[in-house]
């Protein structure tokens, strides 16, 4: 049975940092914007998260990392997520620093999912059949983690058309709290105080903490 404390803990682990709210323009409902199905990547991600949850106590964070990693790579445009989280400074970073940040950020993102979705007690996922268009190239796909009893947890995904198909570029916890905005707030202070090295060190510490040192 899910408790309010467990609900807050899950959202807190998924949104490490200071809270911020993203306000998306309202543009009604649309099945798709352009070609393809923006719900398909989220269905893939949800299936992997459910598999990780069902592995539960029998598995380590590293094992759940391996379960979730292919779906995260398929679902997210992590380069865009990272660039938007860093902000204006991203464009001026040397390619070598972008690559180092990209690799560490990928491990952190996957590890966040592997650590958060770590047990199963009858939960299931549900996806809204009608994504909401927010621009000519973006829609929000609403998804819920539905417990056996208690209130569902909403995780919305801002999906964007890319040459590789629909990719998620943000996660909206409870339908409004933007993970990119949270990360941008966190990253801004780190970059201002210690540059890319400080941001890398922070992400590496978070990976170590989330994995109980196994992936340090």
C-alpha atoms as a PDB file:
ATOM      1  CA  UNK A   1       0.000   0.000   0.000  1.00  0.00           C
ATOM      2  CA  UNK A   2       1.467   3.355  -1.025  1.00  0.00           C
ATOM      3  CA  UNK A   3       1.725   6.022   1.656  1.00  0.00           C
ATOM      4  CA  UNK A   4       1.971   9.803   1.274  1.00  0.00           C
ATOM      5  CA  UNK A   5       5.561   9.575   2.523  1.00  0.00           C
ATOM      6  CA  UNK A   6       6.469   7.011  -0.163  1.00  0.00           C
ATOM      7  CA  UNK A   7       4.833   9.196  -2.811  1.00  0.00           C
ATOM      8  CA  UNK A   8       6.855  12.241  -1.757  1.00  0.00           C
ATOM      9  CA  UNK A   9      10.015  10.160  -1.580  1.00  0.00           C
ATOM     10  CA  UNK A  10       9.600   8.894  -5.152  1.00  0.00           C
ATOM     11  CA  UNK A  11       8.981  12.383  -6.520  1.00  0.00           C
ATOM     12  CA  UNK A  12      11.855  13.729  -4.469  1.00  0.00           C
ATOM     13  CA  UNK A  13      14.324  11.168  -5.812  1.00  0.00           C
ATOM     14  CA  UNK A  14      13.199  11.858  -9.364  1.00  0.00           C
ATOM     15  CA  UNK A  15      13.560  15.626  -8.910  1.00  0.00           C
ATOM     16  CA  UNK A  16      16.831  16.011  -7.002  1.00  0.00           C
ATOM     17  CA  UNK A  17      17.476  19.711  -6.350  1.00  0.00           C
ATOM     18  CA  UNK A  18      15.427  22.841  -5.765  1.00  0.00           C
ATOM     19  CA  UNK A  19      11.867  22.772  -7.084  1.00  0.00           C
ATOM     20  CA  UNK A  20      10.837  24.917 -10.017  1.00  0.00           C
ATOM     21  CA  UNK A  21       7.679  24.963 -12.117  1.00  0.00           C
ATOM     22  CA  UNK A  22       7.548  24.922 -15.889  1.00  0.00           C
ATOM     23  CA  UNK A  23       4.521  26.630 -17.411  1.00  0.00           C
ATOM     24  CA  UNK A  24       3.609  25.097 -20.736  1.00  0.00           C
ATOM     25  CA  UNK A  25       1.350  26.866 -23.218  1.00  0.00           C
ATOM     26  CA  UNK A  26      -2.105  25.391 -23.504  1.00  0.00           C
ATOM     27  CA  UNK A  27      -2.926  24.221 -26.991  1.00  0.00           C
ATOM     28  CA  UNK A  28      -5.736  21.732 -26.565  1.00  0.00           C
ATOM     29  CA  UNK A  29      -5.475  18.025 -27.340  1.00  0.00           C
ATOM     30  CA  UNK A  30      -3.985  16.254 -30.321  1.00  0.00           C
ATOM     31  CA  UNK A  31      -3.335  12.625 -31.086  1.00  0.00           C
ATOM     32  CA  UNK A  32       0.013  13.507 -32.670  1.00  0.00           C
ATOM     33  CA  UNK A  33       1.880  16.445 -34.145  1.00  0.00           C
ATOM     34  CA  UNK A  34       3.380  15.190 -37.359  1.00  0.00           C
ATOM     35  CA  UNK A  35       4.226  11.540 -38.004  1.00  0.00           C
ATOM     36  CA  UNK A  36       4.714   8.690 -35.582  1.00  0.00           C
ATOM     37  CA  UNK A  37       3.246   8.024 -32.163  1.00  0.00           C
ATOM     38  CA  UNK A  38       4.715  10.121 -29.322  1.00  0.00           C
ATOM     39  CA  UNK A  39       3.290   7.661 -26.803  1.00  0.00           C
ATOM     40  CA  UNK A  40       5.417   4.746 -28.065  1.00  0.00           C
ATOM     41  CA  UNK A  41       8.702   5.762 -26.363  1.00  0.00           C
ATOM     42  CA  UNK A  42       6.882   6.242 -23.048  1.00  0.00           C
ATOM     43  CA  UNK A  43       5.286   2.812 -23.364  1.00  0.00           C
ATOM     44  CA  UNK A  44       8.797   1.396 -23.827  1.00  0.00           C
ATOM     45  CA  UNK A  45      10.106   3.307 -20.815  1.00  0.00           C
ATOM     46  CA  UNK A  46       7.179   2.292 -18.610  1.00  0.00           C
ATOM     47  CA  UNK A  47       7.666  -1.375 -19.511  1.00  0.00           C
ATOM     48  CA  UNK A  48      11.332  -1.162 -18.497  1.00  0.00           C
ATOM     49  CA  UNK A  49      10.498   0.643 -15.246  1.00  0.00           C
ATOM     50  CA  UNK A  50       7.908  -2.012 -14.412  1.00  0.00           C
ATOM     51  CA  UNK A  51      10.498  -4.735 -15.075  1.00  0.00           C
ATOM     52  CA  UNK A  52      12.957  -2.955 -12.760  1.00  0.00           C
ATOM     53  CA  UNK A  53      10.303  -2.646 -10.055  1.00  0.00           C
ATOM     54  CA  UNK A  54       9.417  -6.313 -10.357  1.00  0.00           C
ATOM     55  CA  UNK A  55      13.106  -7.245 -10.027  1.00  0.00           C
ATOM     56  CA  UNK A  56      12.881  -5.326  -6.752  1.00  0.00           C
ATOM     57  CA  UNK A  57      14.703  -6.616  -3.694  1.00  0.00           C
ATOM     58  CA  UNK A  58      16.248  -9.455  -5.666  1.00  0.00           C
ATOM     59  CA  UNK A  59      18.268  -6.983  -7.710  1.00  0.00           C
ATOM     60  CA  UNK A  60      20.937  -4.334  -7.181  1.00  0.00           C
ATOM     61  CA  UNK A  61      20.857  -0.778  -8.491  1.00  0.00           C
ATOM     62  CA  UNK A  62      23.473  -1.830 -11.055  1.00  0.00           C
ATOM     63  CA  UNK A  63      21.243  -4.641 -12.291  1.00  0.00           C
ATOM     64  CA  UNK A  64      18.226  -2.357 -12.535  1.00  0.00           C
ATOM     65  CA  UNK A  65      20.464   0.165 -14.333  1.00  0.00           C
ATOM     66  CA  UNK A  66      21.033  -2.463 -17.029  1.00  0.00           C
ATOM     67  CA  UNK A  67      17.291  -3.114 -17.268  1.00  0.00           C
ATOM     68  CA  UNK A  68      16.378   0.548 -17.635  1.00  0.00           C
ATOM     69  CA  UNK A  69      19.326   1.877 -19.699  1.00  0.00           C
ATOM     70  CA  UNK A  70      18.195   0.779 -23.204  1.00  0.00           C
ATOM     71  CA  UNK A  71      14.735   2.299 -22.687  1.00  0.00           C
ATOM     72  CA  UNK A  72      16.152   5.589 -21.381  1.00  0.00           C
ATOM     73  CA  UNK A  73      18.475   5.796 -24.399  1.00  0.00           C
ATOM     74  CA  UNK A  74      15.540   5.122 -26.722  1.00  0.00           C
ATOM     75  CA  UNK A  75      13.087   7.453 -24.978  1.00  0.00           C
ATOM     76  CA  UNK A  76      15.126  10.575 -24.194  1.00  0.00           C
ATOM     77  CA  UNK A  77      17.094  13.099 -26.186  1.00  0.00           C
ATOM     78  CA  UNK A  78      19.591  13.342 -23.338  1.00  0.00           C
ATOM     79  CA  UNK A  79      21.817  15.795 -25.199  1.00  0.00           C
ATOM     80  CA  UNK A  80      18.935  18.254 -25.446  1.00  0.00           C
ATOM     81  CA  UNK A  81      17.914  17.631 -21.825  1.00  0.00           C
ATOM     82  CA  UNK A  82      21.474  18.314 -20.673  1.00  0.00           C
ATOM     83  CA  UNK A  83      21.869  21.389 -22.869  1.00  0.00           C
ATOM     84  CA  UNK A  84      18.591  22.863 -21.605  1.00  0.00           C
ATOM     85  CA  UNK A  85      19.598  22.075 -18.021  1.00  0.00           C
ATOM     86  CA  UNK A  86      22.975  23.805 -18.393  1.00  0.00           C
ATOM     87  CA  UNK A  87      21.372  26.795 -20.135  1.00  0.00           C
ATOM     88  CA  UNK A  88      23.034  29.464 -22.281  1.00  0.00           C
ATOM     89  CA  UNK A  89      26.522  28.376 -21.262  1.00  0.00           C
ATOM     90  CA  UNK A  90      26.101  25.051 -23.065  1.00  0.00           C
ATOM     91  CA  UNK A  91      26.711  26.501 -26.546  1.00  0.00           C
ATOM     92  CA  UNK A  92      30.149  27.829 -25.587  1.00  0.00           C
ATOM     93  CA  UNK A  93      31.455  24.666 -23.909  1.00  0.00           C
ATOM     94  CA  UNK A  94      34.262  22.793 -25.732  1.00  0.00           C
ATOM     95  CA  UNK A  95      33.182  19.534 -27.356  1.00  0.00           C
ATOM     96  CA  UNK A  96      35.381  17.511 -24.994  1.00  0.00           C
ATOM     97  CA  UNK A  97      33.580  18.965 -21.953  1.00  0.00           C
ATOM     98  CA  UNK A  98      30.191  18.351 -23.562  1.00  0.00           C
ATOM     99  CA  UNK A  99      31.137  14.708 -24.118  1.00  0.00           C
ATOM    100  CA  UNK A 100      32.329  14.225 -20.536  1.00  0.00           C
ATOM    101  CA  UNK A 101      29.208  15.859 -19.171  1.00  0.00           C
ATOM    102  CA  UNK A 102      27.020  13.848 -21.534  1.00  0.00           C
ATOM    103  CA  UNK A 103      28.402  10.504 -20.393  1.00  0.00           C
ATOM    104  CA  UNK A 104      28.145  11.333 -16.701  1.00  0.00           C
ATOM    105  CA  UNK A 105      24.686  12.876 -17.093  1.00  0.00           C
ATOM    106  CA  UNK A 106      23.463   9.729 -18.855  1.00  0.00           C
ATOM    107  CA  UNK A 107      24.687   7.543 -15.959  1.00  0.00           C
ATOM    108  CA  UNK A 108      23.062   9.876 -13.448  1.00  0.00           C
ATOM    109  CA  UNK A 109      19.717   9.924 -15.297  1.00  0.00           C
ATOM    110  CA  UNK A 110      19.553   6.137 -15.638  1.00  0.00           C
ATOM    111  CA  UNK A 111      20.721   5.618 -12.065  1.00  0.00           C
ATOM    112  CA  UNK A 112      17.959   7.959 -10.839  1.00  0.00           C
ATOM    113  CA  UNK A 113      15.357   5.702 -12.442  1.00  0.00           C
ATOM    114  CA  UNK A 114      17.053   2.510 -11.249  1.00  0.00           C
ATOM    115  CA  UNK A 115      17.146   3.786  -7.668  1.00  0.00           C
ATOM    116  CA  UNK A 116      13.620   5.227  -7.671  1.00  0.00           C
ATOM    117  CA  UNK A 117      11.748   2.328  -9.272  1.00  0.00           C
ATOM    118  CA  UNK A 118      13.041  -0.363  -6.956  1.00  0.00           C
ATOM    119  CA  UNK A 119      10.062  -2.323  -5.685  1.00  0.00           C
ATOM    120  CA  UNK A 120       6.743  -3.634  -6.916  1.00  0.00           C
ATOM    121  CA  UNK A 121       3.530  -4.144  -4.961  1.00  0.00           C
ATOM    122  CA  UNK A 122       0.933  -4.379  -7.696  1.00  0.00           C
ATOM    123  CA  UNK A 123       1.538  -1.010  -9.379  1.00  0.00           C
ATOM    124  CA  UNK A 124       0.835  -0.520 -13.073  1.00  0.00           C
ATOM    125  CA  UNK A 125       1.288   2.272 -15.589  1.00  0.00           C
ATOM    126  CA  UNK A 126      -1.418   4.111 -17.504  1.00  0.00           C
ATOM    127  CA  UNK A 127      -0.937   6.514 -20.430  1.00  0.00           C
ATOM    128  CA  UNK A 128      -3.340   9.186 -21.669  1.00  0.00           C
ATOM    129  CA  UNK A 129      -4.483   8.245 -25.163  1.00  0.00           C
ATOM    130  CA  UNK A 130      -4.543  11.902 -26.243  1.00  0.00           C
ATOM    131  CA  UNK A 131      -1.201  13.739 -26.042  1.00  0.00           C
ATOM    132  CA  UNK A 132      -1.556  17.493 -25.584  1.00  0.00           C
ATOM    133  CA  UNK A 133       0.064  19.665 -28.259  1.00  0.00           C
ATOM    134  CA  UNK A 134       2.084  22.563 -26.828  1.00  0.00           C
ATOM    135  CA  UNK A 135       3.812  23.728 -30.033  1.00  0.00           C
ATOM    136  CA  UNK A 136       4.176  22.754 -33.674  1.00  0.00           C
ATOM    137  CA  UNK A 137       6.776  20.107 -32.764  1.00  0.00           C
ATOM    138  CA  UNK A 138       6.054  19.230 -29.132  1.00  0.00           C
ATOM    139  CA  UNK A 139       3.376  17.375 -27.182  1.00  0.00           C
ATOM    140  CA  UNK A 140       2.966  16.321 -23.573  1.00  0.00           C
ATOM    141  CA  UNK A 141       2.294  12.628 -22.974  1.00  0.00           C
ATOM    142  CA  UNK A 142       0.705  12.108 -19.561  1.00  0.00           C
ATOM    143  CA  UNK A 143       1.500   8.879 -17.741  1.00  0.00           C
ATOM    144  CA  UNK A 144       0.528   7.634 -14.284  1.00  0.00           C
ATOM    145  CA  UNK A 145       2.040   5.102 -11.935  1.00  0.00           C
ATOM    146  CA  UNK A 146      -1.088   3.572 -10.427  1.00  0.00           C
ATOM    147  CA  UNK A 147      -0.653   1.788  -7.081  1.00  0.00           C
ATOM    148  CA  UNK A 148      -2.808  -1.123  -5.961  1.00  0.00           C
ATOM    149  CA  UNK A 149      -4.359   1.372  -3.541  1.00  0.00           C
ATOM    150  CA  UNK A 150      -3.824   5.073  -3.059  1.00  0.00           C
ATOM    151  CA  UNK A 151      -3.384   8.019  -5.398  1.00  0.00           C
ATOM    152  CA  UNK A 152      -1.697   7.681  -8.813  1.00  0.00           C
ATOM    153  CA  UNK A 153       1.583   9.529  -9.397  1.00  0.00           C
ATOM    154  CA  UNK A 154       1.607  11.548 -12.612  1.00  0.00           C
ATOM    155  CA  UNK A 155       4.768  11.771 -14.702  1.00  0.00           C
ATOM    156  CA  UNK A 156       4.225  13.832 -17.829  1.00  0.00           C
ATOM    157  CA  UNK A 157       6.746  13.753 -20.676  1.00  0.00           C
ATOM    158  CA  UNK A 158       7.433  16.678 -22.981  1.00  0.00           C
ATOM    159  CA  UNK A 159       7.998  14.964 -26.337  1.00  0.00           C
ATOM    160  CA  UNK A 160       9.735  16.631 -29.265  1.00  0.00           C
ATOM    161  CA  UNK A 161      10.070  15.594 -32.887  1.00  0.00           C
ATOM    162  CA  UNK A 162      13.680  14.807 -33.831  1.00  0.00           C
ATOM    163  CA  UNK A 163      15.304  13.177 -36.881  1.00  0.00           C
ATOM    164  CA  UNK A 164      15.323   9.966 -34.826  1.00  0.00           C
ATOM    165  CA  UNK A 165      11.595  10.221 -34.049  1.00  0.00           C
ATOM    166  CA  UNK A 166       9.776  11.379 -30.923  1.00  0.00           C
ATOM    167  CA  UNK A 167      12.076  11.931 -27.939  1.00  0.00           C
ATOM    168  CA  UNK A 168      11.403  13.150 -24.400  1.00  0.00           C
ATOM    169  CA  UNK A 169      13.122  16.434 -23.532  1.00  0.00           C
ATOM    170  CA  UNK A 170      11.627  16.975 -20.066  1.00  0.00           C
ATOM    171  CA  UNK A 171       9.756  15.146 -17.301  1.00  0.00           C
ATOM    172  CA  UNK A 172       6.916  16.873 -15.445  1.00  0.00           C
ATOM    173  CA  UNK A 173       6.290  15.396 -12.002  1.00  0.00           C
ATOM    174  CA  UNK A 174       2.712  15.781 -10.782  1.00  0.00           C
ATOM    175  CA  UNK A 175       2.026  17.286 -14.209  1.00  0.00           C
ATOM    176  CA  UNK A 176       3.876  20.562 -13.631  1.00  0.00           C
ATOM    177  CA  UNK A 177       7.235  20.262 -11.838  1.00  0.00           C
ATOM    178  CA  UNK A 178       9.904  20.314 -14.560  1.00  0.00           C
ATOM    179  CA  UNK A 179      12.978  18.181 -14.039  1.00  0.00           C
ATOM    180  CA  UNK A 180      14.903  20.365 -16.493  1.00  0.00           C
ATOM    181  CA  UNK A 181      13.991  23.484 -14.495  1.00  0.00           C
ATOM    182  CA  UNK A 182      15.040  21.784 -11.259  1.00  0.00           C
ATOM    183  CA  UNK A 183      18.345  20.721 -12.773  1.00  0.00           C
ATOM    184  CA  UNK A 184      18.954  24.163 -14.292  1.00  0.00           C
ATOM    185  CA  UNK A 185      18.616  25.735 -10.864  1.00  0.00           C
ATOM    186  CA  UNK A 186      21.041  23.207  -9.399  1.00  0.00           C
ATOM    187  CA  UNK A 187      23.512  23.338 -12.297  1.00  0.00           C
ATOM    188  CA  UNK A 188      23.620  27.141 -12.413  1.00  0.00           C
ATOM    189  CA  UNK A 189      25.079  27.396  -8.911  1.00  0.00           C
ATOM    190  CA  UNK A 190      27.616  24.634  -9.517  1.00  0.00           C
ATOM    191  CA  UNK A 191      28.820  26.136 -12.801  1.00  0.00           C
ATOM    192  CA  UNK A 192      29.082  29.594 -11.249  1.00  0.00           C
ATOM    193  CA  UNK A 193      31.113  28.361  -8.289  1.00  0.00           C
ATOM    194  CA  UNK A 194      33.357  25.740  -9.870  1.00  0.00           C
ATOM    195  CA  UNK A 195      32.684  25.421 -13.583  1.00  0.00           C
ATOM    196  CA  UNK A 196      32.260  22.136 -15.432  1.00  0.00           C
ATOM    197  CA  UNK A 197      34.520  20.302 -12.961  1.00  0.00           C
ATOM    198  CA  UNK A 198      32.151  21.113 -10.094  1.00  0.00           C
ATOM    199  CA  UNK A 199      29.122  19.946 -12.095  1.00  0.00           C
ATOM    200  CA  UNK A 200      30.856  16.708 -13.064  1.00  0.00           C
ATOM    201  CA  UNK A 201      31.878  16.045  -9.464  1.00  0.00           C
ATOM    202  CA  UNK A 202      28.317  16.680  -8.260  1.00  0.00           C
ATOM    203  CA  UNK A 203      26.809  14.288 -10.802  1.00  0.00           C
ATOM    204  CA  UNK A 204      29.380  11.628  -9.958  1.00  0.00           C
ATOM    205  CA  UNK A 205      28.605  11.963  -6.234  1.00  0.00           C
ATOM    206  CA  UNK A 206      24.898  11.584  -6.967  1.00  0.00           C
ATOM    207  CA  UNK A 207      25.537   8.407  -8.979  1.00  0.00           C
ATOM    208  CA  UNK A 208      27.579   7.038  -6.072  1.00  0.00           C
ATOM    209  CA  UNK A 209      24.880   7.958  -3.542  1.00  0.00           C
ATOM    210  CA  UNK A 210      22.030   6.535  -5.626  1.00  0.00           C
ATOM    211  CA  UNK A 211      23.909   3.265  -6.153  1.00  0.00           C
ATOM    212  CA  UNK A 212      25.193   3.031  -2.568  1.00  0.00           C
ATOM    213  CA  UNK A 213      28.720   3.322  -3.896  1.00  0.00           C
ATOM    214  CA  UNK A 214      28.407   0.459  -6.378  1.00  0.00           C
ATOM    215  CA  UNK A 215      28.709   2.739  -9.417  1.00  0.00           C
ATOM    216  CA  UNK A 216      31.167   5.293  -8.042  1.00  0.00           C
END
